[in-house]
PDB file of N, CA and C in Angstrom:
ATOM      1  N   MET A   1      -0.146 -40.970   7.225  1.00  0.00           N
ATOM      2  CA  MET A   1       1.202 -41.367   6.875  1.00  0.00           C
ATOM      3  C   MET A   1       1.508 -40.932   5.442  1.00  0.00           C
ATOM      4  N   THR A   2       2.672 -40.451   5.210  1.00  0.00           N
ATOM      5  CA  THR A   2       3.102 -40.009   3.891  1.00  0.00           C
ATOM      6  C   THR A   2       3.361 -41.219   3.000  1.00  0.00           C
ATOM      7  N   GLU A   3       2.958 -41.093   1.738  1.00  0.00           N
ATOM      8  CA  GLU A   3       3.244 -42.157   0.777  1.00  0.00           C
ATOM      9  C   GLU A   3       4.746 -42.364   0.670  1.00  0.00           C
ATOM     10  N   ARG A   4       5.172 -43.600   0.486  1.00  0.00           N
ATOM     11  CA  ARG A   4       6.592 -43.903   0.334  1.00  0.00           C
ATOM     12  C   ARG A   4       6.998 -43.941  -1.131  1.00  0.00           C
ATOM     13  N   HIS A   5       6.004 -43.940  -2.042  1.00  0.00           N
ATOM     14  CA  HIS A   5       6.319 -43.881  -3.464  1.00  0.00           C
ATOM     15  C   HIS A   5       5.164 -43.251  -4.240  1.00  0.00           C
ATOM     16  N   LEU A   6       5.500 -42.656  -5.350  1.00  0.00           N
ATOM     17  CA  LEU A   6       4.533 -42.066  -6.266  1.00  0.00           C
ATOM     18  C   LEU A   6       4.918 -42.500  -7.672  1.00  0.00           C
ATOM     19  N   GLU A   7       3.917 -42.689  -8.532  1.00  0.00           N
ATOM     20  CA  GLU A   7       4.197 -43.047  -9.915  1.00  0.00           C
ATOM     21  C   GLU A   7       3.224 -42.309 -10.829  1.00  0.00           C
ATOM     22  N   HIS A   8       3.745 -41.863 -11.968  1.00  0.00           N
ATOM     23  CA  HIS A   8       2.941 -41.141 -12.953  1.00  0.00           C
ATOM     24  C   HIS A   8       3.195 -41.755 -14.322  1.00  0.00           C
ATOM     25  N   LYS A   9       2.104 -42.103 -15.014  1.00  0.00           N
ATOM     26  CA  LYS A   9       2.182 -42.601 -16.382  1.00  0.00           C
ATOM     27  C   LYS A   9       1.250 -41.752 -17.225  1.00  0.00           C
ATOM     28  N   GLU A  10       1.709 -41.415 -18.448  1.00  0.00           N
ATOM     29  CA  GLU A  10       0.901 -40.553 -19.305  1.00  0.00           C
ATOM     30  C   GLU A  10       1.272 -40.789 -20.764  1.00  0.00           C
ATOM     31  N   THR A  11       0.264 -40.706 -21.636  1.00  0.00           N
ATOM     32  CA  THR A  11       0.499 -40.731 -23.071  1.00  0.00           C
ATOM     33  C   THR A  11       0.375 -39.298 -23.571  1.00  0.00           C
ATOM     34  N   LEU A  12       1.423 -38.826 -24.231  1.00  0.00           N
ATOM     35  CA  LEU A  12       1.443 -37.453 -24.742  1.00  0.00           C
ATOM     36  C   LEU A  12       0.696 -37.370 -26.067  1.00  0.00           C
ATOM     37  N   SER A  13       0.414 -36.153 -26.514  1.00  0.00           N
ATOM     38  CA  SER A  13      -0.380 -35.950 -27.731  1.00  0.00           C
ATOM     39  C   SER A  13       0.283 -36.516 -28.984  1.00  0.00           C
ATOM     40  N   ASN A  14       1.611 -36.649 -28.987  1.00  0.00           N
ATOM     41  CA  ASN A  14       2.308 -37.219 -30.146  1.00  0.00           C
ATOM     42  C   ASN A  14       2.442 -38.739 -30.050  1.00  0.00           C
ATOM     43  N   GLY A  15       1.855 -39.334 -29.023  1.00  0.00           N
ATOM     44  CA  GLY A  15       1.869 -40.787 -28.871  1.00  0.00           C
ATOM     45  C   GLY A  15       2.956 -41.318 -27.960  1.00  0.00           C
ATOM     46  N   CYS A  16       3.923 -40.488 -27.598  1.00  0.00           N
ATOM     47  CA  CYS A  16       4.976 -40.923 -26.686  1.00  0.00           C
ATOM     48  C   CYS A  16       4.381 -41.190 -25.305  1.00  0.00           C
ATOM     49  N   ASN A  17       4.971 -42.137 -24.594  1.00  0.00           N
ATOM     50  CA  ASN A  17       4.542 -42.462 -23.237  1.00  0.00           C
ATOM     51  C   ASN A  17       5.632 -42.069 -22.259  1.00  0.00           C
ATOM     52  N   ILE A  18       5.217 -41.538 -21.120  1.00  0.00           N
ATOM     53  CA  ILE A  18       6.178 -41.204 -20.076  1.00  0.00           C
ATOM     54  C   ILE A  18       5.832 -41.979 -18.808  1.00  0.00           C
ATOM     55  N   ARG A  19       6.882 -42.272 -18.041  1.00  0.00           N
ATOM     56  CA  ARG A  19       6.720 -42.927 -16.742  1.00  0.00           C
ATOM     57  C   ARG A  19       7.715 -42.276 -15.784  1.00  0.00           C
ATOM     58  N   VAL A  20       7.193 -41.792 -14.679  1.00  0.00           N
ATOM     59  CA  VAL A  20       8.039 -41.168 -13.661  1.00  0.00           C
ATOM     60  C   VAL A  20       7.702 -41.811 -12.323  1.00  0.00           C
ATOM     61  N   LYS A  21       8.737 -42.177 -11.587  1.00  0.00           N
ATOM     62  CA  LYS A  21       8.546 -42.801 -10.278  1.00  0.00           C
ATOM     63  C   LYS A  21       9.474 -42.138  -9.270  1.00  0.00           C
ATOM     64  N   ALA A  22       8.952 -41.871  -8.097  1.00  0.00           N
ATOM     65  CA  ALA A  22       9.755 -41.344  -6.990  1.00  0.00           C
ATOM     66  C   ALA A  22       9.433 -42.186  -5.762  1.00  0.00           C
ATOM     67  N   GLU A  23      10.460 -42.519  -4.996  1.00  0.00           N
ATOM     68  CA  GLU A  23      10.235 -43.309  -3.793  1.00  0.00           C
ATOM     69  C   GLU A  23      11.242 -42.934  -2.715  1.00  0.00           C
ATOM     70  N   ILE A  24      10.790 -43.034  -1.493  1.00  0.00           N
ATOM     71  CA  ILE A  24      11.668 -42.843  -0.350  1.00  0.00           C
ATOM     72  C   ILE A  24      12.332 -44.185  -0.072  1.00  0.00           C
ATOM     73  N   LEU A  25      13.657 -44.213  -0.148  1.00  0.00           N
ATOM     74  CA  LEU A  25      14.411 -45.442   0.059  1.00  0.00           C
ATOM     75  C   LEU A  25      14.590 -45.716   1.550  1.00  0.00           C
ATOM     76  N   LYS A  26      15.040 -46.918   1.888  1.00  0.00           N
ATOM     77  CA  LYS A  26      15.191 -47.314   3.295  1.00  0.00           C
ATOM     78  C   LYS A  26      16.108 -46.385   4.076  1.00  0.00           C
ATOM     79  N   ASP A  27      17.102 -45.799   3.404  1.00  0.00           N
ATOM     80  CA  ASP A  27      18.017 -44.890   4.097  1.00  0.00           C
ATOM     81  C   ASP A  27      17.471 -43.465   4.196  1.00  0.00           C
ATOM     82  N   GLY A  28      16.232 -43.259   3.706  1.00  0.00           N
ATOM     83  CA  GLY A  28      15.599 -41.954   3.783  1.00  0.00           C
ATOM     84  C   GLY A  28      15.858 -41.065   2.585  1.00  0.00           C
ATOM     85  N   SER A  29      16.708 -41.510   1.664  1.00  0.00           N
ATOM     86  CA  SER A  29      16.993 -40.711   0.474  1.00  0.00           C
ATOM     87  C   SER A  29      15.881 -40.898  -0.559  1.00  0.00           C
ATOM     88  N   LEU A  30      15.907 -40.066  -1.586  1.00  0.00           N
ATOM     89  CA  LEU A  30      14.902 -40.091  -2.637  1.00  0.00           C
ATOM     90  C   LEU A  30      15.450 -40.822  -3.858  1.00  0.00           C
ATOM     91  N   GLY A  31      14.761 -41.860  -4.290  1.00  0.00           N
ATOM     92  CA  GLY A  31      15.112 -42.558  -5.520  1.00  0.00           C
ATOM     93  C   GLY A  31      14.119 -42.183  -6.598  1.00  0.00           C
ATOM     94  N   MET A  32      14.608 -42.005  -7.812  1.00  0.00           N
ATOM     95  CA  MET A  32      13.718 -41.620  -8.912  1.00  0.00           C
ATOM     96  C   MET A  32      14.034 -42.395 -10.180  1.00  0.00           C
ATOM     97  N   PHE A  33      13.045 -42.430 -11.070  1.00  0.00           N
ATOM     98  CA  PHE A  33      13.191 -42.996 -12.401  1.00  0.00           C
ATOM     99  C   PHE A  33      12.376 -42.131 -13.347  1.00  0.00           C
ATOM    100  N   ILE A  34      12.953 -41.809 -14.502  1.00  0.00           N
ATOM    101  CA  ILE A  34      12.243 -41.077 -15.550  1.00  0.00           C
ATOM    102  C   ILE A  34      12.411 -41.879 -16.842  1.00  0.00           C
ATOM    103  N   GLY A  35      11.305 -42.268 -17.460  1.00  0.00           N
ATOM    104  CA  GLY A  35      11.344 -43.006 -18.712  1.00  0.00           C
ATOM    105  C   GLY A  35      10.464 -42.357 -19.761  1.00  0.00           C
ATOM    106  N   VAL A  36      10.959 -42.327 -21.004  1.00  0.00           N
ATOM    107  CA  VAL A  36      10.204 -41.778 -22.135  1.00  0.00           C
ATOM    108  C   VAL A  36      10.289 -42.805 -23.263  1.00  0.00           C
ATOM    109  N   TYR A  37       9.142 -43.144 -23.852  1.00  0.00           N
ATOM    110  CA  TYR A  37       9.066 -44.237 -24.821  1.00  0.00           C
ATOM    111  C   TYR A  37       8.243 -43.834 -26.042  1.00  0.00           C
ATOM    112  N   ARG A  38       8.614 -44.413 -27.182  1.00  0.00           N
ATOM    113  CA  ARG A  38       7.821 -44.244 -28.397  1.00  0.00           C
ATOM    114  C   ARG A  38       6.525 -45.053 -28.245  1.00  0.00           C
ATOM    115  N   PRO A  39       5.537 -44.788 -29.104  1.00  0.00           N
ATOM    116  CA  PRO A  39       4.279 -45.538 -28.999  1.00  0.00           C
ATOM    117  C   PRO A  39       4.461 -47.054 -29.096  1.00  0.00           C
ATOM    118  N   ASP A  40       5.501 -47.513 -29.809  1.00  0.00           N
ATOM    119  CA  ASP A  40       5.733 -48.958 -29.928  1.00  0.00           C
ATOM    120  C   ASP A  40       6.504 -49.518 -28.728  1.00  0.00           C
ATOM    121  N   GLY A  41       6.834 -48.664 -27.764  1.00  0.00           N
ATOM    122  CA  GLY A  41       7.509 -49.103 -26.542  1.00  0.00           C
ATOM    123  C   GLY A  41       9.019 -48.982 -26.563  1.00  0.00           C
ATOM    124  N   THR A  42       9.602 -48.633 -27.712  1.00  0.00           N
ATOM    125  CA  THR A  42      11.055 -48.476 -27.738  1.00  0.00           C
ATOM    126  C   THR A  42      11.468 -47.274 -26.899  1.00  0.00           C
ATOM    127  N   VAL A  43      12.623 -47.392 -26.310  1.00  0.00           N
ATOM    128  CA  VAL A  43      13.112 -46.378 -25.372  1.00  0.00           C
ATOM    129  C   VAL A  43      13.628 -45.150 -26.117  1.00  0.00           C
ATOM    130  N   ILE A  44      13.162 -43.997 -25.710  1.00  0.00           N
ATOM    131  CA  ILE A  44      13.746 -42.727 -26.142  1.00  0.00           C
ATOM    132  C   ILE A  44      14.789 -42.318 -25.112  1.00  0.00           C
ATOM    133  N   ASP A  45      14.406 -42.388 -23.838  1.00  0.00           N
ATOM    134  CA  ASP A  45      15.333 -42.038 -22.757  1.00  0.00           C
ATOM    135  C   ASP A  45      14.880 -42.724 -21.474  1.00  0.00           C
ATOM    136  N   GLU A  46      15.818 -43.264 -20.741  1.00  0.00           N
ATOM    137  CA  GLU A  46      15.567 -43.794 -19.399  1.00  0.00           C
ATOM    138  C   GLU A  46      16.666 -43.288 -18.483  1.00  0.00           C
ATOM    139  N   ASN A  47      16.270 -42.665 -17.396  1.00  0.00           N
ATOM    140  CA  ASN A  47      17.223 -42.189 -16.402  1.00  0.00           C
ATOM    141  C   ASN A  47      16.863 -42.865 -15.084  1.00  0.00           C
ATOM    142  N   HIS A  48      17.711 -43.774 -14.653  1.00  0.00           N
ATOM    143  CA  HIS A  48      17.459 -44.532 -13.429  1.00  0.00           C
ATOM    144  C   HIS A  48      17.962 -43.823 -12.175  1.00  0.00           C
ATOM    145  N   ASP A  49      18.598 -42.691 -12.345  1.00  0.00           N
ATOM    146  CA  ASP A  49      19.165 -42.011 -11.183  1.00  0.00           C
ATOM    147  C   ASP A  49      19.185 -40.491 -11.351  1.00  0.00           C
ATOM    148  N   PRO A  50      18.022 -39.882 -11.706  1.00  0.00           N
ATOM    149  CA  PRO A  50      18.013 -38.421 -11.777  1.00  0.00           C
ATOM    150  C   PRO A  50      18.198 -37.824 -10.384  1.00  0.00           C
ATOM    151  N   ARG A  51      18.756 -36.649 -10.323  1.00  0.00           N
ATOM    152  CA  ARG A  51      19.065 -36.031  -9.035  1.00  0.00           C
ATOM    153  C   ARG A  51      18.453 -34.640  -8.902  1.00  0.00           C
ATOM    154  N   PRO A  52      17.183 -34.574  -8.516  1.00  0.00           N
ATOM    155  CA  PRO A  52      16.614 -33.243  -8.231  1.00  0.00           C
ATOM    156  C   PRO A  52      17.275 -32.692  -6.972  1.00  0.00           C
ATOM    157  N   HIS A  53      17.655 -31.452  -7.002  1.00  0.00           N
ATOM    158  CA  HIS A  53      18.401 -30.870  -5.894  1.00  0.00           C
ATOM    159  C   HIS A  53      17.459 -30.296  -4.843  1.00  0.00           C
ATOM    160  N   MET A  54      17.521 -30.857  -3.632  1.00  0.00           N
ATOM    161  CA  MET A  54      16.823 -30.317  -2.463  1.00  0.00           C
ATOM    162  C   MET A  54      15.300 -30.230  -2.644  1.00  0.00           C
ATOM    163  N   LEU A  55      14.692 -31.241  -3.254  1.00  0.00           N
ATOM    164  CA  LEU A  55      13.238 -31.257  -3.425  1.00  0.00           C
ATOM    165  C   LEU A  55      12.637 -32.391  -2.608  1.00  0.00           C
ATOM    166  N   ASP A  56      11.429 -32.166  -2.078  1.00  0.00           N
ATOM    167  CA  ASP A  56      10.728 -33.272  -1.430  1.00  0.00           C
ATOM    168  C   ASP A  56      10.135 -34.173  -2.517  1.00  0.00           C
ATOM    169  N   MET A  57       9.537 -35.273  -2.132  1.00  0.00           N
ATOM    170  CA  MET A  57       9.092 -36.262  -3.106  1.00  0.00           C
ATOM    171  C   MET A  57       8.058 -35.692  -4.079  1.00  0.00           C
ATOM    172  N   GLU A  58       7.101 -34.929  -3.584  1.00  0.00           N
ATOM    173  CA  GLU A  58       6.063 -34.386  -4.458  1.00  0.00           C
ATOM    174  C   GLU A  58       6.645 -33.385  -5.451  1.00  0.00           C
ATOM    175  N   ALA A  59       7.518 -32.516  -4.994  1.00  0.00           N
ATOM    176  CA  ALA A  59       8.154 -31.547  -5.881  1.00  0.00           C
ATOM    177  C   ALA A  59       9.071 -32.248  -6.878  1.00  0.00           C
ATOM    178  N   ALA A  60       9.750 -33.310  -6.430  1.00  0.00           N
ATOM    179  CA  ALA A  60      10.608 -34.077  -7.330  1.00  0.00           C
ATOM    180  C   ALA A  60       9.780 -34.757  -8.412  1.00  0.00           C
ATOM    181  N   MET A  61       8.587 -35.244  -8.067  1.00  0.00           N
ATOM    182  CA  MET A  61       7.695 -35.833  -9.072  1.00  0.00           C
ATOM    183  C   MET A  61       7.322 -34.799 -10.119  1.00  0.00           C
ATOM    184  N   ASP A  62       6.930 -33.612  -9.685  1.00  0.00           N
ATOM    185  CA  ASP A  62       6.582 -32.544 -10.632  1.00  0.00           C
ATOM    186  C   ASP A  62       7.768 -32.227 -11.531  1.00  0.00           C
ATOM    187  N   TRP A  63       8.957 -32.146 -10.951  1.00  0.00           N
ATOM    188  CA  TRP A  63      10.185 -31.893 -11.707  1.00  0.00           C
ATOM    189  C   TRP A  63      10.410 -32.993 -12.736  1.00  0.00           C
ATOM    190  N   GLY A  64      10.285 -34.256 -12.307  1.00  0.00           N
ATOM    191  CA  GLY A  64      10.494 -35.384 -13.199  1.00  0.00           C
ATOM    192  C   GLY A  64       9.482 -35.439 -14.338  1.00  0.00           C
ATOM    193  N   ILE A  65       8.233 -35.132 -14.033  1.00  0.00           N
ATOM    194  CA  ILE A  65       7.184 -35.100 -15.066  1.00  0.00           C
ATOM    195  C   ILE A  65       7.496 -34.022 -16.089  1.00  0.00           C
ATOM    196  N   ASP A  66       7.925 -32.851 -15.624  1.00  0.00           N
ATOM    197  CA  ASP A  66       8.299 -31.772 -16.553  1.00  0.00           C
ATOM    198  C   ASP A  66       9.456 -32.196 -17.458  1.00  0.00           C
ATOM    199  N   ILE A  67      10.465 -32.870 -16.887  1.00  0.00           N
ATOM    200  CA  ILE A  67      11.604 -33.350 -17.673  1.00  0.00           C
ATOM    201  C   ILE A  67      11.116 -34.347 -18.731  1.00  0.00           C
ATOM    202  N   ALA A  68      10.319 -35.328 -18.303  1.00  0.00           N
ATOM    203  CA  ALA A  68       9.829 -36.361 -19.220  1.00  0.00           C
ATOM    204  C   ALA A  68       8.976 -35.759 -20.332  1.00  0.00           C
ATOM    205  N   LYS A  69       8.076 -34.832 -19.975  1.00  0.00           N
ATOM    206  CA  LYS A  69       7.239 -34.196 -20.993  1.00  0.00           C
ATOM    207  C   LYS A  69       8.083 -33.397 -21.973  1.00  0.00           C
ATOM    208  N   GLY A  70       9.121 -32.720 -21.482  1.00  0.00           N
ATOM    209  CA  GLY A  70       9.988 -31.960 -22.370  1.00  0.00           C
ATOM    210  C   GLY A  70      10.673 -32.852 -23.380  1.00  0.00           C
ATOM    211  N   ILE A  71      11.159 -34.002 -22.930  1.00  0.00           N
ATOM    212  CA  ILE A  71      11.816 -34.954 -23.844  1.00  0.00           C
ATOM    213  C   ILE A  71      10.792 -35.538 -24.810  1.00  0.00           C
ATOM    214  N   GLY A  72       9.668 -36.002 -24.277  1.00  0.00           N
ATOM    215  CA  GLY A  72       8.642 -36.631 -25.115  1.00  0.00           C
ATOM    216  C   GLY A  72       8.041 -35.678 -26.131  1.00  0.00           C
ATOM    217  N   ASN A  73       7.730 -34.469 -25.677  1.00  0.00           N
ATOM    218  CA  ASN A  73       7.105 -33.492 -26.589  1.00  0.00           C
ATOM    219  C   ASN A  73       8.072 -32.961 -27.641  1.00  0.00           C
ATOM    220  N   SER A  74       9.374 -33.141 -27.428  1.00  0.00           N
ATOM    221  CA  SER A  74      10.350 -32.667 -28.414  1.00  0.00           C
ATOM    222  C   SER A  74      10.494 -33.651 -29.583  1.00  0.00           C
ATOM    223  N   GLN A  75       9.891 -34.819 -29.442  1.00  0.00           N
ATOM    224  CA  GLN A  75       9.919 -35.811 -30.525  1.00  0.00           C
ATOM    225  C   GLN A  75       8.931 -35.393 -31.607  1.00  0.00           C
ATOM    226  N   ARG A  76       9.266 -35.678 -32.852  1.00  0.00           N
ATOM    227  CA  ARG A  76       8.331 -35.345 -33.915  1.00  0.00           C
ATOM    228  C   ARG A  76       7.072 -36.195 -33.743  1.00  0.00           C
ATOM    229  N   SER A  77       5.982 -35.728 -34.287  1.00  0.00           N
ATOM    230  CA  SER A  77       4.735 -36.487 -34.200  1.00  0.00           C
ATOM    231  C   SER A  77       4.943 -37.867 -34.797  1.00  0.00           C
ATOM    232  N   LEU A  78       4.436 -38.862 -34.120  1.00  0.00           N
ATOM    233  CA  LEU A  78       4.676 -40.248 -34.541  1.00  0.00           C
ATOM    234  C   LEU A  78       3.430 -40.850 -35.150  1.00  0.00           C
TER     235      LEU A  78
END
């Protein structure tokens, strides 16, 4: 059976933390969350409704992780 949700958490080299979640909703659509945080937990960016176009859940996770890493890595070293 295919997983109904995936989650990725990572601390980047500059100390920022990322969290990406993808889940198949009851209606069969894909729900996602992308969060990027400073080491103290303050929010840099949270997107509760990103819209990857025509991607399955695994590809959407990879897309979301790339987005989160791009935002997190663009922060100056903390």
